[in-house]
Amino acid sequence: MQRHSAAVRQLVHYKGQLDPLNGDALNKAVRDTAYETISDVFSEENKAGGELGHGFC
């Protein structure tokens, strides 16, 4: 999973166009979700001894 983390890490800094109704809320949701994903993936890999996702793409 670590070799695919670069794509998700880029989304932590995502800055899209402001939405006329929601402002930056949708962009912030992307950034927050990316951050949570990275945090969860690496915390689970540490708990599993780096074996999480073995056999998955």
PDB file of N, CA and C in Angstrom:
ATOM      1  N   MET A   1       0.811  -1.190   0.000  1.00  0.00           N
ATOM      2  CA  MET A   1       0.000   0.000   0.000  1.00  0.00           C
ATOM      3  C   MET A   1       0.856   1.256   0.000  1.00  0.00           C
ATOM      4  N   GLN A   2       2.034   1.176   0.602  1.00  0.00           N
ATOM      5  CA  GLN A   2       2.889   2.359   0.671  1.00  0.00           C
ATOM      6  C   GLN A   2       3.285   2.853  -0.712  1.00  0.00           C
ATOM      7  N   ARG A   3       3.427   1.968  -1.670  1.00  0.00           N
ATOM      8  CA  ARG A   3       3.834   2.428  -2.997  1.00  0.00           C
ATOM      9  C   ARG A   3       2.714   3.179  -3.700  1.00  0.00           C
ATOM     10  N   HIS A   4       1.473   3.038  -3.233  1.00  0.00           N
ATOM     11  CA  HIS A   4       0.340   3.768  -3.795  1.00  0.00           C
ATOM     12  C   HIS A   4      -0.029   4.987  -2.954  1.00  0.00           C
ATOM     13  N   SER A   5       0.660   5.194  -1.858  1.00  0.00           N
ATOM     14  CA  SER A   5       0.293   6.278  -0.955  1.00  0.00           C
ATOM     15  C   SER A   5       0.605   7.654  -1.522  1.00  0.00           C
ATOM     16  N   ALA A   6       1.491   7.756  -2.486  1.00  0.00           N
ATOM     17  CA  ALA A   6       1.847   9.060  -3.051  1.00  0.00           C
ATOM     18  C   ALA A   6       0.638   9.752  -3.675  1.00  0.00           C
ATOM     19  N   ALA A   7      -0.215   8.997  -4.339  1.00  0.00           N
ATOM     20  CA  ALA A   7      -1.407   9.585  -4.956  1.00  0.00           C
ATOM     21  C   ALA A   7      -2.350  10.142  -3.893  1.00  0.00           C
ATOM     22  N   VAL A   8      -2.515   9.421  -2.800  1.00  0.00           N
ATOM     23  CA  VAL A   8      -3.396   9.896  -1.730  1.00  0.00           C
ATOM     24  C   VAL A   8      -2.750  11.061  -0.994  1.00  0.00           C
ATOM     25  N   ARG A   9      -1.440  10.992  -0.797  1.00  0.00           N
ATOM     26  CA  ARG A   9      -0.734  12.083  -0.110  1.00  0.00           C
ATOM     27  C   ARG A   9      -0.870  13.406  -0.860  1.00  0.00           C
ATOM     28  N   GLN A  10      -0.909  13.359  -2.171  1.00  0.00           N
ATOM     29  CA  GLN A  10      -1.076  14.580  -2.952  1.00  0.00           C
ATOM     30  C   GLN A  10      -2.423  15.231  -2.657  1.00  0.00           C
ATOM     31  N   LEU A  11      -3.431  14.425  -2.371  1.00  0.00           N
ATOM     32  CA  LEU A  11      -4.763  14.956  -2.103  1.00  0.00           C
ATOM     33  C   LEU A  11      -4.859  15.652  -0.753  1.00  0.00           C
ATOM     34  N   VAL A  12      -3.893  15.429   0.138  1.00  0.00           N
ATOM     35  CA  VAL A  12      -3.879  16.121   1.428  1.00  0.00           C
ATOM     36  C   VAL A  12      -3.738  17.625   1.203  1.00  0.00           C
ATOM     37  N   HIS A  13      -3.127  18.008   0.088  1.00  0.00           N
ATOM     38  CA  HIS A  13      -2.905  19.425  -0.233  1.00  0.00           C
ATOM     39  C   HIS A  13      -3.812  19.905  -1.360  1.00  0.00           C
ATOM     40  N   TYR A  14      -4.884  19.175  -1.634  1.00  0.00           N
ATOM     41  CA  TYR A  14      -5.781  19.483  -2.740  1.00  0.00           C
ATOM     42  C   TYR A  14      -6.398  20.867  -2.594  1.00  0.00           C
ATOM     43  N   LYS A  15      -6.364  21.631  -3.669  1.00  0.00           N
ATOM     44  CA  LYS A  15      -6.975  22.959  -3.687  1.00  0.00           C
ATOM     45  C   LYS A  15      -7.709  23.111  -5.007  1.00  0.00           C
ATOM     46  N   GLY A  16      -8.996  22.827  -4.992  1.00  0.00           N
ATOM     47  CA  GLY A  16      -9.816  22.965  -6.184  1.00  0.00           C
ATOM     48  C   GLY A  16     -10.478  24.329  -6.227  1.00  0.00           C
ATOM     49  N   GLN A  17     -11.328  24.506  -7.213  1.00  0.00           N
ATOM     50  CA  GLN A  17     -12.054  25.762  -7.326  1.00  0.00           C
ATOM     51  C   GLN A  17     -13.099  25.850  -6.224  1.00  0.00           C
ATOM     52  N   LEU A  18     -13.366  27.067  -5.793  1.00  0.00           N
ATOM     53  CA  LEU A  18     -14.391  27.273  -4.777  1.00  0.00           C
ATOM     54  C   LEU A  18     -15.768  27.046  -5.385  1.00  0.00           C
ATOM     55  N   ASP A  19     -16.598  26.359  -4.643  1.00  0.00           N
ATOM     56  CA  ASP A  19     -17.965  26.114  -5.054  1.00  0.00           C
ATOM     57  C   ASP A  19     -18.804  27.346  -4.714  1.00  0.00           C
ATOM     58  N   PRO A  20     -19.693  27.784  -5.613  1.00  0.00           N
ATOM     59  CA  PRO A  20     -20.496  28.981  -5.334  1.00  0.00           C
ATOM     60  C   PRO A  20     -21.376  28.847  -4.079  1.00  0.00           C
ATOM     61  N   LEU A  21     -21.843  27.651  -3.792  1.00  0.00           N
ATOM     62  CA  LEU A  21     -22.712  27.461  -2.625  1.00  0.00           C
ATOM     63  C   LEU A  21     -21.960  27.012  -1.376  1.00  0.00           C
ATOM     64  N   ASN A  22     -20.966  26.151  -1.554  1.00  0.00           N
ATOM     65  CA  ASN A  22     -20.288  25.537  -0.411  1.00  0.00           C
ATOM     66  C   ASN A  22     -18.906  26.109  -0.118  1.00  0.00           C
ATOM     67  N   GLY A  23     -18.433  27.001  -0.943  1.00  0.00           N
ATOM     68  CA  GLY A  23     -17.100  27.568  -0.727  1.00  0.00           C
ATOM     69  C   GLY A  23     -16.028  26.501  -0.821  1.00  0.00           C
ATOM     70  N   ASP A  24     -15.177  26.448   0.177  1.00  0.00           N
ATOM     71  CA  ASP A  24     -14.062  25.490   0.187  1.00  0.00           C
ATOM     72  C   ASP A  24     -14.424  24.178   0.889  1.00  0.00           C
ATOM     73  N   ALA A  25     -15.665  24.032   1.307  1.00  0.00           N
ATOM     74  CA  ALA A  25     -16.061  22.863   2.098  1.00  0.00           C
ATOM     75  C   ALA A  25     -15.822  21.549   1.362  1.00  0.00           C
ATOM     76  N   LEU A  26     -16.122  21.497   0.060  1.00  0.00           N
ATOM     77  CA  LEU A  26     -15.920  20.254  -0.699  1.00  0.00           C
ATOM     78  C   LEU A  26     -14.431  19.939  -0.843  1.00  0.00           C
ATOM     79  N   ASN A  27     -13.613  20.964  -1.075  1.00  0.00           N
ATOM     80  CA  ASN A  27     -12.167  20.759  -1.170  1.00  0.00           C
ATOM     81  C   ASN A  27     -11.603  20.302   0.174  1.00  0.00           C
ATOM     82  N   LYS A  28     -12.106  20.892   1.246  1.00  0.00           N
ATOM     83  CA  LYS A  28     -11.649  20.507   2.580  1.00  0.00           C
ATOM     84  C   LYS A  28     -12.036  19.060   2.877  1.00  0.00           C
ATOM     85  N   ALA A  29     -13.193  18.642   2.410  1.00  0.00           N
ATOM     86  CA  ALA A  29     -13.612  17.250   2.608  1.00  0.00           C
ATOM     87  C   ALA A  29     -12.650  16.287   1.916  1.00  0.00           C
ATOM     88  N   VAL A  30     -12.177  16.650   0.730  1.00  0.00           N
ATOM     89  CA  VAL A  30     -11.190  15.828   0.020  1.00  0.00           C
ATOM     90  C   VAL A  30      -9.904  15.762   0.828  1.00  0.00           C
ATOM     91  N   ARG A  31      -9.423  16.909   1.292  1.00  0.00           N
ATOM     92  CA  ARG A  31      -8.182  16.952   2.073  1.00  0.00           C
ATOM     93  C   ARG A  31      -8.311  16.150   3.362  1.00  0.00           C
ATOM     94  N   ASP A  32      -9.432  16.317   4.062  1.00  0.00           N
ATOM     95  CA  ASP A  32      -9.635  15.606   5.321  1.00  0.00           C
ATOM     96  C   ASP A  32      -9.712  14.095   5.117  1.00  0.00           C
ATOM     97  N   THR A  33     -10.410  13.680   4.078  1.00  0.00           N
ATOM     98  CA  THR A  33     -10.531  12.253   3.787  1.00  0.00           C
ATOM     99  C   THR A  33      -9.180  11.650   3.418  1.00  0.00           C
ATOM    100  N   ALA A  34      -8.389  12.376   2.631  1.00  0.00           N
ATOM    101  CA  ALA A  34      -7.049  11.903   2.268  1.00  0.00           C
ATOM    102  C   ALA A  34      -6.180  11.760   3.518  1.00  0.00           C
ATOM    103  N   TYR A  35      -6.248  12.743   4.401  1.00  0.00           N
ATOM    104  CA  TYR A  35      -5.454  12.690   5.631  1.00  0.00           C
ATOM    105  C   TYR A  35      -5.870  11.503   6.500  1.00  0.00           C
ATOM    106  N   GLU A  36      -7.175  11.298   6.651  1.00  0.00           N
ATOM    107  CA  GLU A  36      -7.666  10.172   7.446  1.00  0.00           C
ATOM    108  C   GLU A  36      -7.246   8.842   6.833  1.00  0.00           C
ATOM    109  N   THR A  37      -7.295   8.761   5.512  1.00  0.00           N
ATOM    110  CA  THR A  37      -6.921   7.529   4.822  1.00  0.00           C
ATOM    111  C   THR A  37      -5.454   7.200   5.063  1.00  0.00           C
ATOM    112  N   ILE A  38      -4.596   8.183   4.867  1.00  0.00           N
ATOM    113  CA  ILE A  38      -3.159   7.971   5.091  1.00  0.00           C
ATOM    114  C   ILE A  38      -2.904   7.577   6.543  1.00  0.00           C
ATOM    115  N   SER A  39      -3.536   8.275   7.469  1.00  0.00           N
ATOM    116  CA  SER A  39      -3.346   7.960   8.890  1.00  0.00           C
ATOM    117  C   SER A  39      -3.785   6.540   9.208  1.00  0.00           C
ATOM    118  N   ASP A  40      -4.949   6.149   8.698  1.00  0.00           N
ATOM    119  CA  ASP A  40      -5.467   4.808   8.962  1.00  0.00           C
ATOM    120  C   ASP A  40      -4.597   3.725   8.336  1.00  0.00           C
ATOM    121  N   VAL A  41      -4.183   3.937   7.111  1.00  0.00           N
ATOM    122  CA  VAL A  41      -3.372   2.931   6.414  1.00  0.00           C
ATOM    123  C   VAL A  41      -2.076   2.682   7.163  1.00  0.00           C
ATOM    124  N   PHE A  42      -1.384   3.753   7.530  1.00  0.00           N
ATOM    125  CA  PHE A  42      -0.092   3.561   8.170  1.00  0.00           C
ATOM    126  C   PHE A  42      -0.227   3.096   9.613  1.00  0.00           C
ATOM    127  N   SER A  43      -1.291   3.480  10.307  1.00  0.00           N
ATOM    128  CA  SER A  43      -1.463   2.977  11.667  1.00  0.00           C
ATOM    129  C   SER A  43      -1.815   1.488  11.631  1.00  0.00           C
ATOM    130  N   GLU A  44      -2.619   1.053  10.665  1.00  0.00           N
ATOM    131  CA  GLU A  44      -2.966  -0.364  10.539  1.00  0.00           C
ATOM    132  C   GLU A  44      -1.761  -1.186  10.098  1.00  0.00           C
ATOM    133  N   GLU A  45      -0.919  -0.629   9.222  1.00  0.00           N
ATOM    134  CA  GLU A  45       0.286  -1.357   8.803  1.00  0.00           C
ATOM    135  C   GLU A  45       1.221  -1.540   9.976  1.00  0.00           C
ATOM    136  N   ASN A  46       1.327  -0.533  10.830  1.00  0.00           N
ATOM    137  CA  ASN A  46       2.192  -0.650  11.999  1.00  0.00           C
ATOM    138  C   ASN A  46       1.660  -1.703  12.960  1.00  0.00           C
ATOM    139  N   LYS A  47       0.347  -1.745  13.143  1.00  0.00           N
ATOM    140  CA  LYS A  47      -0.258  -2.750  14.035  1.00  0.00           C
ATOM    141  C   LYS A  47      -0.079  -4.154  13.487  1.00  0.00           C
ATOM    142  N   ALA A  48      -0.142  -4.278  12.157  1.00  0.00           N
ATOM    143  CA  ALA A  48      -0.058  -5.598  11.530  1.00  0.00           C
ATOM    144  C   ALA A  48       1.383  -5.973  11.197  1.00  0.00           C
ATOM    145  N   GLY A  49       2.311  -5.163  11.600  1.00  0.00           N
ATOM    146  CA  GLY A  49       3.707  -5.472  11.315  1.00  0.00           C
ATOM    147  C   GLY A  49       4.058  -5.309   9.851  1.00  0.00           C
ATOM    148  N   GLY A  50       3.343  -4.427   9.169  1.00  0.00           N
ATOM    149  CA  GLY A  50       3.636  -4.170   7.760  1.00  0.00           C
ATOM    150  C   GLY A  50       3.012  -5.166   6.818  1.00  0.00           C
ATOM    151  N   GLU A  51       2.186  -6.052   7.316  1.00  0.00           N
ATOM    152  CA  GLU A  51       1.602  -7.099   6.484  1.00  0.00           C
ATOM    153  C   GLU A  51       0.206  -6.757   5.989  1.00  0.00           C
ATOM    154  N   LEU A  52      -0.336  -5.606   6.360  1.00  0.00           N
ATOM    155  CA  LEU A  52      -1.680  -5.235   5.926  1.00  0.00           C
ATOM    156  C   LEU A  52      -1.727  -5.135   4.412  1.00  0.00           C
ATOM    157  N   GLY A  53      -2.756  -5.673   3.834  1.00  0.00           N
ATOM    158  CA  GLY A  53      -2.924  -5.590   2.389  1.00  0.00           C
ATOM    159  C   GLY A  53      -2.102  -6.577   1.608  1.00  0.00           C
ATOM    160  N   HIS A  54      -1.503  -7.520   2.282  1.00  0.00           N
ATOM    161  CA  HIS A  54      -0.698  -8.525   1.584  1.00  0.00           C
ATOM    162  C   HIS A  54      -1.581  -9.274   0.609  1.00  0.00           C
ATOM    163  N   GLY A  55      -1.203  -9.220  -0.658  1.00  0.00           N
ATOM    164  CA  GLY A  55      -1.986  -9.895  -1.678  1.00  0.00           C
ATOM    165  C   GLY A  55      -2.983  -9.000  -2.368  1.00  0.00           C
ATOM    166  N   PHE A  56      -3.096  -7.745  -1.938  1.00  0.00           N
ATOM    167  CA  PHE A  56      -4.011  -6.801  -2.569  1.00  0.00           C
ATOM    168  C   PHE A  56      -3.225  -5.785  -3.359  1.00  0.00           C
ATOM    169  N   CYS A  57      -3.863  -5.181  -4.359  1.00  0.00           N
ATOM    170  CA  CYS A  57      -3.201  -4.160  -5.180  1.00  0.00           C
ATOM    171  C   CYS A  57      -3.213  -2.830  -4.490  1.00  0.00           C
TER     172      CYS A  57
END
